[in-house]
């Protein structure tokens, strides 16, 4: 009887941990990321993939072997297309984690898919682990597509 109780407790703990992890997946979290300016390594790595800090950018890490990455491609492409007519349309930049391991390490990418939103100054504003929801990504990007007042 004691073994069954232990088994039930372990199973419940595993289910609870799995649900907690799943709840975070796809959620947009505000980053306390660093700006591109002043960090030469980070600036160079981001510039090498096309993030120049002139317009907002959505950078999503993927790999050929990553199944959910295809869903991220569709979501990001759709949102970027929706915002194409804004004053500062965002860039859609896909980065192969196998081709750019130094950038993945610099941005602390631990799993795929991982998506970042950078503003027009090159500051990391949001980070998304998993497949983002189109509405959430659009809500995060829309304010970044309007130039800031000088």
Foldseek 3Di string as FASTA:
>chain_A
DVVVVVVVVVVVVVVVVVVVVVVQAQDKDWDPFDALPPDPVLVVLCVVQPDNLQAKEKEKEDAPPDDQVVLQVVLVVVLLVVQVPFQGRYYYTYHYCVVRVVNCVVVVPDDPTKMWIAASRRTTTIIHHHRHDSVNVNVVCVVRRHDDDD
